[in-house]
Amino acid sequence: MADITVYDVARKAKVSIATVSRTLNSPAVNESDSKRVLGVIDALALFQKQQASARARKWHGRIGVLAPFLTYPSFVQRLRGVSTAVV
């Protein structure tokens, strides 16, 4: 059997993929839409893949900073400011 996707659930429930996602991840969904989506999920015997959910929510906590020269005091000072603001 092929993997069932959020697109399949949305199509069968006649809602958008955003509505399916919100139904699974937050309470901010119209009750009738939520019931329809959950009904389709139950009918398809769908279960949420934990790895996909974790990967979608993962926040790495990294930023990138480009500095042309680390030998100039002004750039070093700016980088210190960035590092203190981030922490």
C-alpha atoms as a PDB file:
ATOM      1  CA  MET A   1       0.000   0.000   0.000  1.00  0.00           C
ATOM      2  CA  ALA A   2       1.310   3.457  -0.909  1.00  0.00           C
ATOM      3  CA  ASP A   3       2.059   5.965   1.800  1.00  0.00           C
ATOM      4  CA  ILE A   4      -0.853   8.230   2.596  1.00  0.00           C
ATOM      5  CA  THR A   5       0.029  11.913   2.620  1.00  0.00           C
ATOM      6  CA  VAL A   6      -1.505  15.091   3.968  1.00  0.00           C
ATOM      7  CA  TYR A   7      -2.637  15.778   0.400  1.00  0.00           C
ATOM      8  CA  ASP A   8      -4.678  12.562   0.352  1.00  0.00           C
ATOM      9  CA  VAL A   9      -6.349  13.421   3.656  1.00  0.00           C
ATOM     10  CA  ALA A  10      -7.094  16.972   2.517  1.00  0.00           C
ATOM     11  CA  ARG A  11      -8.591  15.774  -0.758  1.00  0.00           C
ATOM     12  CA  LYS A  12     -10.837  13.202   0.922  1.00  0.00           C
ATOM     13  CA  ALA A  13     -11.910  15.601   3.694  1.00  0.00           C
ATOM     14  CA  LYS A  14     -12.415  18.414   1.148  1.00  0.00           C
ATOM     15  CA  VAL A  15     -10.237  20.843   3.093  1.00  0.00           C
ATOM     16  CA  SER A  16      -6.853  22.455   2.531  1.00  0.00           C
ATOM     17  CA  ILE A  17      -3.593  20.842   3.593  1.00  0.00           C
ATOM     18  CA  ALA A  18      -3.189  23.730   6.045  1.00  0.00           C
ATOM     19  CA  THR A  19      -6.437  22.683   7.738  1.00  0.00           C
ATOM     20  CA  VAL A  20      -5.174  19.119   8.030  1.00  0.00           C
ATOM     21  CA  SER A  21      -1.915  20.353   9.528  1.00  0.00           C
ATOM     22  CA  ARG A  22      -3.683  22.652  11.999  1.00  0.00           C
ATOM     23  CA  THR A  23      -6.043  19.841  12.999  1.00  0.00           C
ATOM     24  CA  LEU A  24      -3.057  17.672  13.878  1.00  0.00           C
ATOM     25  CA  ASN A  25      -0.938  20.366  15.501  1.00  0.00           C
ATOM     26  CA  SER A  26      -3.141  23.010  17.102  1.00  0.00           C
ATOM     27  CA  PRO A  27      -6.639  23.543  18.463  1.00  0.00           C
ATOM     28  CA  ALA A  28      -7.379  26.496  16.143  1.00  0.00           C
ATOM     29  CA  VAL A  29      -9.635  24.633  13.688  1.00  0.00           C
ATOM     30  CA  ASN A  30     -13.346  24.837  12.977  1.00  0.00           C
ATOM     31  CA  GLU A  31     -15.034  21.932  14.802  1.00  0.00           C
ATOM     32  CA  SER A  32     -16.803  20.558  11.716  1.00  0.00           C
ATOM     33  CA  ASP A  33     -13.591  20.651   9.671  1.00  0.00           C
ATOM     34  CA  SER A  34     -11.687  19.029  12.507  1.00  0.00           C
ATOM     35  CA  LYS A  35     -14.236  16.193  12.784  1.00  0.00           C
ATOM     36  CA  ARG A  36     -14.129  15.654   9.023  1.00  0.00           C
ATOM     37  CA  VAL A  37     -10.323  15.529   8.947  1.00  0.00           C
ATOM     38  CA  LEU A  38     -10.100  13.195  11.945  1.00  0.00           C
ATOM     39  CA  GLY A  39     -12.775  10.977  10.410  1.00  0.00           C
ATOM     40  CA  VAL A  40     -10.766  10.633   7.208  1.00  0.00           C
ATOM     41  CA  ILE A  41      -7.603   9.938   9.201  1.00  0.00           C
ATOM     42  CA  ASP A  42      -9.409   7.189  11.139  1.00  0.00           C
ATOM     43  CA  ALA A  43     -10.895   5.734   7.947  1.00  0.00           C
ATOM     44  CA  LEU A  44      -7.475   5.605   6.289  1.00  0.00           C
ATOM     45  CA  ALA A  45      -5.871   4.170   9.439  1.00  0.00           C
ATOM     46  CA  LEU A  46      -3.300   6.939   9.218  1.00  0.00           C
ATOM     47  CA  PHE A  47      -0.804   7.571  11.968  1.00  0.00           C
ATOM     48  CA  GLN A  48       1.508  10.527  12.251  1.00  0.00           C
ATOM     49  CA  LYS A  49       5.141   9.768  11.586  1.00  0.00           C
ATOM     50  CA  GLN A  50       7.048  11.008  14.610  1.00  0.00           C
ATOM     51  CA  GLN A  51      10.250  11.641  12.667  1.00  0.00           C
ATOM     52  CA  ALA A  52       8.504  13.904  10.169  1.00  0.00           C
ATOM     53  CA  SER A  53       6.805  15.859  12.934  1.00  0.00           C
ATOM     54  CA  ALA A  54      10.022  16.304  14.887  1.00  0.00           C
ATOM     55  CA  ARG A  55      11.908  17.383  11.776  1.00  0.00           C
ATOM     56  CA  ALA A  56       9.213  19.926  10.870  1.00  0.00           C
ATOM     57  CA  ARG A  57       9.251  21.470  14.350  1.00  0.00           C
ATOM     58  CA  LYS A  58      12.980  21.359  14.914  1.00  0.00           C
ATOM     59  CA  TRP A  59      14.613  24.673  15.592  1.00  0.00           C
ATOM     60  CA  HIS A  60      18.373  24.560  15.429  1.00  0.00           C
ATOM     61  CA  GLY A  61      19.037  27.811  17.255  1.00  0.00           C
ATOM     62  CA  ARG A  62      21.733  28.907  14.823  1.00  0.00           C
ATOM     63  CA  ILE A  63      22.328  32.114  12.977  1.00  0.00           C
ATOM     64  CA  GLY A  64      24.875  33.016  10.365  1.00  0.00           C
ATOM     65  CA  VAL A  65      26.994  36.144  10.364  1.00  0.00           C
ATOM     66  CA  LEU A  66      29.188  37.234   7.481  1.00  0.00           C
ATOM     67  CA  ALA A  67      32.093  39.507   8.281  1.00  0.00           C
ATOM     68  CA  PRO A  68      34.604  40.497   5.619  1.00  0.00           C
ATOM     69  CA  PHE A  69      37.581  40.799   7.970  1.00  0.00           C
ATOM     70  CA  LEU A  70      38.072  39.646  11.534  1.00  0.00           C
ATOM     71  CA  THR A  71      41.188  41.764  11.856  1.00  0.00           C
ATOM     72  CA  TYR A  72      39.254  45.042  11.882  1.00  0.00           C
ATOM     73  CA  PRO A  73      38.243  46.082  15.400  1.00  0.00           C
ATOM     74  CA  SER A  74      34.868  47.386  14.219  1.00  0.00           C
ATOM     75  CA  PHE A  75      33.846  43.950  12.915  1.00  0.00           C
ATOM     76  CA  VAL A  76      35.034  42.235  16.075  1.00  0.00           C
ATOM     77  CA  GLN A  77      32.960  44.679  18.103  1.00  0.00           C
ATOM     78  CA  ARG A  78      29.874  44.011  15.942  1.00  0.00           C
ATOM     79  CA  LEU A  79      30.304  40.255  16.346  1.00  0.00           C
ATOM     80  CA  ARG A  80      30.530  40.683  20.128  1.00  0.00           C
ATOM     81  CA  GLY A  81      27.276  42.629  19.996  1.00  0.00           C
ATOM     82  CA  VAL A  82      25.607  39.896  17.968  1.00  0.00           C
ATOM     83  CA  SER A  83      26.800  37.155  20.324  1.00  0.00           C
ATOM     84  CA  THR A  84      25.576  38.959  23.447  1.00  0.00           C
ATOM     85  CA  ALA A  85      22.203  39.740  21.839  1.00  0.00           C
ATOM     86  CA  VAL A  86      21.678  36.113  20.811  1.00  0.00           C
ATOM     87  CA  VAL A  87      22.529  34.581  24.178  1.00  0.00           C
END
